[in-house]
Amino acid sequence: MVVGLGNPGMEYEASRHNVGFRAVEALADRAGATLRHRRCRSHFARAVIHGEEVLLVRPLTFMNDSGSAVSRWQQATGLKPARIIVIHDDLDLPTSQLRIRTGGSHGGHRGVRSIQEALGGGDFIRVKVGIGRPRPGHDPVDHVLGPFEKAEQGEIETAVERAADAVELLLREGVQTAMNRYNVRASRRQDPADQ
């Protein structure tokens, strides 16, 4: 199961907090699927990605209650947390940088905390997409709920596609290979064409 985190509603569609939604939508588009079915407080689609049947989920809850949707799917499918991939934004990463992680703390991310509490732990896989920190003196809440600046648009579109690439690699070759490929500092990041 691949879950993209965000907030529902047109007013949040372009926000930094919604990069998880955008990445799961990119995966659905690539697989020829549409996130239009409703169940477990979510829009969802079933897709085949690299020969593996995958459930793509976009919760209809607000970010702080993401766990209620994820836990309902987990109970309905019987999936172990280690078979759940969650894509979400991260304030502590520079804009567009990716990091893949298993376990660990929620780092202040309320959507991740909600999922950890609902699942009774944090053993799911996380694909974090950097959204950068707000400028000094600016409210972090306004930052995550605000849109990307015009100069960031191309960079974040590329990051969303790279997050989808990372999930595909996770499914194809496993978490360690994906971590080795994507958990690099921005200065060391390679162009996928060079790999």
Protein backbone atom coordinates (compact mmCIF):
# COMPACT_ATOMS: atom_id res chain seq x y z
CA MET A 1 0.00 0.00 0.00
CA VAL A 2 1.27 3.46 -0.95
CA VAL A 3 -0.27 6.40 0.91
CA GLY A 4 0.25 10.02 -0.10
CA LEU A 5 -0.37 12.53 2.69
CA GLY A 6 -1.99 15.92 2.33
CA ASN A 7 -5.10 17.93 3.14
CA PRO A 8 -8.30 17.57 1.11
CA GLY A 9 -9.94 20.61 -0.49
CA MET A 10 -9.16 23.03 -3.28
CA GLU A 11 -7.64 25.60 -0.89
CA TYR A 12 -4.83 23.18 -0.01
CA GLU A 13 -4.29 21.63 -3.43
CA ALA A 14 -1.11 23.59 -4.26
CA SER A 15 0.26 23.69 -0.70
CA ARG A 16 3.66 22.37 0.36
CA HIS A 17 1.88 19.97 2.72
CA ASN A 18 0.29 18.20 -0.27
CA VAL A 19 3.37 16.86 -2.05
CA GLY A 20 2.41 13.37 -0.85
CA PHE A 21 -0.93 13.66 -2.66
CA ARG A 22 0.88 14.79 -5.80
CA ALA A 23 3.32 11.87 -5.70
CA VAL A 24 0.63 9.21 -5.26
CA GLU A 25 -1.33 10.83 -8.09
CA ALA A 26 1.80 10.64 -10.28
CA LEU A 27 2.04 6.91 -9.50
CA ALA A 28 -1.63 6.44 -10.39
CA ASP A 29 -1.16 8.30 -13.69
CA ARG A 30 1.84 6.15 -14.61
CA ALA A 31 -0.15 2.98 -13.90
CA GLY A 32 -3.20 4.19 -15.86
CA ALA A 33 -5.29 4.28 -12.67
CA THR A 34 -7.54 6.98 -11.20
CA LEU A 35 -7.92 7.75 -7.50
CA ARG A 36 -11.70 8.04 -7.73
CA HIS A 37 -13.02 5.13 -5.67
CA ARG A 38 -13.96 5.83 -2.04
CA ARG A 39 -13.42 3.57 0.95
CA CYS A 40 -11.86 3.77 4.41
CA ARG A 41 -12.08 7.58 4.47
CA SER A 42 -9.93 7.76 1.31
CA HIS A 43 -9.83 7.98 -2.42
CA PHE A 44 -8.03 4.91 -3.71
CA ALA A 45 -7.05 2.93 -6.78
CA ARG A 46 -5.68 -0.54 -7.36
CA ALA A 47 -2.76 -0.67 -9.76
CA VAL A 48 -0.06 -3.02 -10.97
CA ILE A 49 3.41 -1.51 -10.69
CA HIS A 50 6.37 -3.59 -11.89
CA GLY A 51 4.27 -6.72 -11.68
CA GLU A 52 3.13 -6.09 -8.10
CA GLU A 53 -0.46 -5.30 -7.14
CA VAL A 54 -0.44 -2.03 -5.22
CA LEU A 55 -3.15 -0.13 -3.39
CA LEU A 56 -2.74 3.64 -3.93
CA VAL A 57 -4.39 5.73 -1.21
CA ARG A 58 -5.11 9.44 -0.76
CA PRO A 59 -6.81 10.02 2.63
CA LEU A 60 -9.86 12.28 2.72
CA THR A 61 -9.10 13.14 6.34
CA PHE A 62 -7.09 16.19 7.25
CA MET A 63 -3.37 15.63 7.74
CA ASN A 64 -3.60 15.41 11.55
CA ASP A 65 -6.02 12.48 11.26
CA SER A 66 -4.25 10.51 8.50
CA GLY A 67 -3.88 7.53 10.84
CA SER A 68 -7.62 6.84 10.91
CA ALA A 69 -7.66 6.19 7.14
CA VAL A 70 -4.39 4.22 7.12
CA SER A 71 -5.40 2.01 10.06
CA ARG A 72 -8.75 1.20 8.41
CA TRP A 73 -6.94 0.08 5.27
CA GLN A 74 -4.43 -1.87 7.33
CA GLN A 75 -7.26 -3.70 9.10
CA ALA A 76 -9.13 -4.30 5.82
CA THR A 77 -6.10 -5.68 3.99
CA GLY A 78 -4.16 -7.31 6.83
CA LEU A 79 -0.95 -5.70 5.56
CA LYS A 80 1.93 -5.52 8.00
CA PRO A 81 3.22 -1.96 8.56
CA ALA A 82 6.47 -2.88 6.76
CA ARG A 83 4.36 -3.29 3.57
CA ILE A 84 3.02 0.28 3.83
CA ILE A 85 4.82 3.19 2.12
CA VAL A 86 3.89 6.72 3.20
CA ILE A 87 4.92 9.73 1.07
CA HIS A 88 4.97 13.06 2.92
CA ASP A 89 6.52 16.52 3.08
CA ASP A 90 9.48 17.30 5.36
CA LEU A 91 10.42 20.74 6.70
CA ASP A 92 13.91 19.62 7.69
CA LEU A 93 14.99 18.70 4.16
CA PRO A 94 15.94 21.30 1.55
CA THR A 95 13.27 21.86 -1.08
CA SER A 96 12.98 18.86 -3.43
CA GLN A 97 15.53 16.64 -1.62
CA LEU A 98 14.30 13.10 -0.93
CA ARG A 99 14.97 10.80 1.98
CA ILE A 100 13.71 7.25 2.49
CA ARG A 101 13.41 5.99 6.04
CA THR A 102 12.04 3.02 7.93
CA GLY A 103 10.93 3.51 11.52
CA GLY A 104 12.13 6.40 13.64
CA SER A 105 10.30 9.31 15.22
CA HIS A 106 7.67 11.44 13.52
CA GLY A 107 9.97 14.49 13.71
CA GLY A 108 7.04 16.77 14.53
CA HIS A 109 5.06 15.78 11.42
CA ARG A 110 1.48 15.44 12.63
CA GLY A 111 0.36 13.18 9.78
CA VAL A 112 3.19 10.73 10.46
CA ARG A 113 2.51 10.91 14.21
CA SER A 114 -1.17 10.13 13.59
CA ILE A 115 -0.22 7.04 11.54
CA GLN A 116 2.29 5.86 14.14
CA GLU A 117 -0.32 6.17 16.88
CA ALA A 118 -2.99 4.41 14.81
CA LEU A 119 -0.71 1.52 13.79
CA GLY A 120 0.93 1.20 17.21
CA GLY A 121 4.39 2.01 15.90
CA GLY A 122 6.44 3.42 13.06
CA ASP A 123 7.62 0.36 11.14
CA PHE A 124 6.21 1.62 7.83
CA ILE A 125 8.43 2.98 5.06
CA ARG A 126 8.54 6.75 4.59
CA VAL A 127 9.45 8.65 1.43
CA LYS A 128 10.09 12.20 2.59
CA VAL A 129 10.04 15.12 0.14
CA GLY A 130 11.84 18.24 1.30
CA ILE A 131 9.86 21.48 1.36
CA GLY A 132 12.52 23.58 3.11
CA ARG A 133 12.22 25.71 6.23
CA PRO A 134 10.38 29.04 6.31
CA ARG A 135 12.37 32.23 6.24
CA PRO A 136 13.31 33.57 9.70
CA GLY A 137 10.33 35.17 11.39
CA HIS A 138 7.77 33.31 9.28
CA ASP A 139 5.29 30.88 10.82
CA PRO A 140 6.01 27.19 9.96
CA VAL A 141 2.25 26.49 9.76
CA ASP A 142 1.78 29.23 7.16
CA HIS A 143 4.81 27.83 5.32
CA VAL A 144 3.53 24.25 5.03
CA LEU A 145 -0.03 25.34 4.18
CA GLY A 146 1.15 27.90 1.63
CA PRO A 147 2.00 27.28 -2.02
CA PHE A 148 5.49 26.85 -3.41
CA GLU A 149 7.01 30.03 -4.78
CA LYS A 150 7.12 30.44 -8.52
CA ALA A 151 10.87 29.82 -8.59
CA GLU A 152 10.34 26.47 -6.81
CA GLN A 153 7.63 25.11 -9.10
CA GLY A 154 9.84 23.31 -11.61
CA GLU A 155 12.04 21.91 -8.87
CA ILE A 156 9.12 20.52 -6.88
CA GLU A 157 7.49 18.99 -9.96
CA THR A 158 10.75 17.13 -10.55
CA ALA A 159 10.84 16.10 -6.87
CA VAL A 160 7.30 14.69 -7.08
CA GLU A 161 8.32 12.59 -10.10
CA ARG A 162 11.48 11.47 -8.28
CA ALA A 163 9.37 10.44 -5.26
CA ALA A 164 7.25 8.32 -7.61
CA ASP A 165 10.48 6.89 -9.09
CA ALA A 166 11.69 6.07 -5.56
CA VAL A 167 8.48 4.18 -4.77
CA GLU A 168 8.78 2.21 -8.00
CA LEU A 169 12.37 1.31 -7.11
CA LEU A 170 11.26 0.29 -3.59
CA LEU A 171 8.70 -2.05 -5.10
CA ARG A 172 11.09 -3.42 -7.69
CA GLU A 173 14.34 -3.81 -5.74
CA GLY A 174 13.59 -3.22 -2.06
CA VAL A 175 14.13 -0.54 0.55
CA GLN A 176 17.92 -0.80 0.85
CA THR A 177 18.50 -0.24 -2.86
CA ALA A 178 16.12 2.72 -2.84
CA MET A 179 17.82 4.23 0.23
CA ASN A 180 21.25 3.84 -1.40
CA ARG A 181 19.97 5.62 -4.53
CA TYR A 182 17.98 8.46 -2.98
CA ASN A 183 19.44 9.17 0.47
CA VAL A 184 22.23 11.40 -0.79
CA ARG A 185 22.98 15.01 -0.01
CA ALA A 186 21.80 17.50 -2.60
CA SER A 187 25.42 18.27 -3.57
CA ARG A 188 26.02 14.58 -4.35
CA ARG A 189 22.71 13.95 -6.11
CA GLN A 190 23.16 12.25 -9.44
CA ASP A 191 21.09 12.67 -12.51
CA PRO A 192 19.06 9.45 -12.95
CA ALA A 193 20.38 9.27 -16.52
CA ASP A 194 23.91 8.87 -15.10
CA GLN A 195 22.95 5.91 -12.93
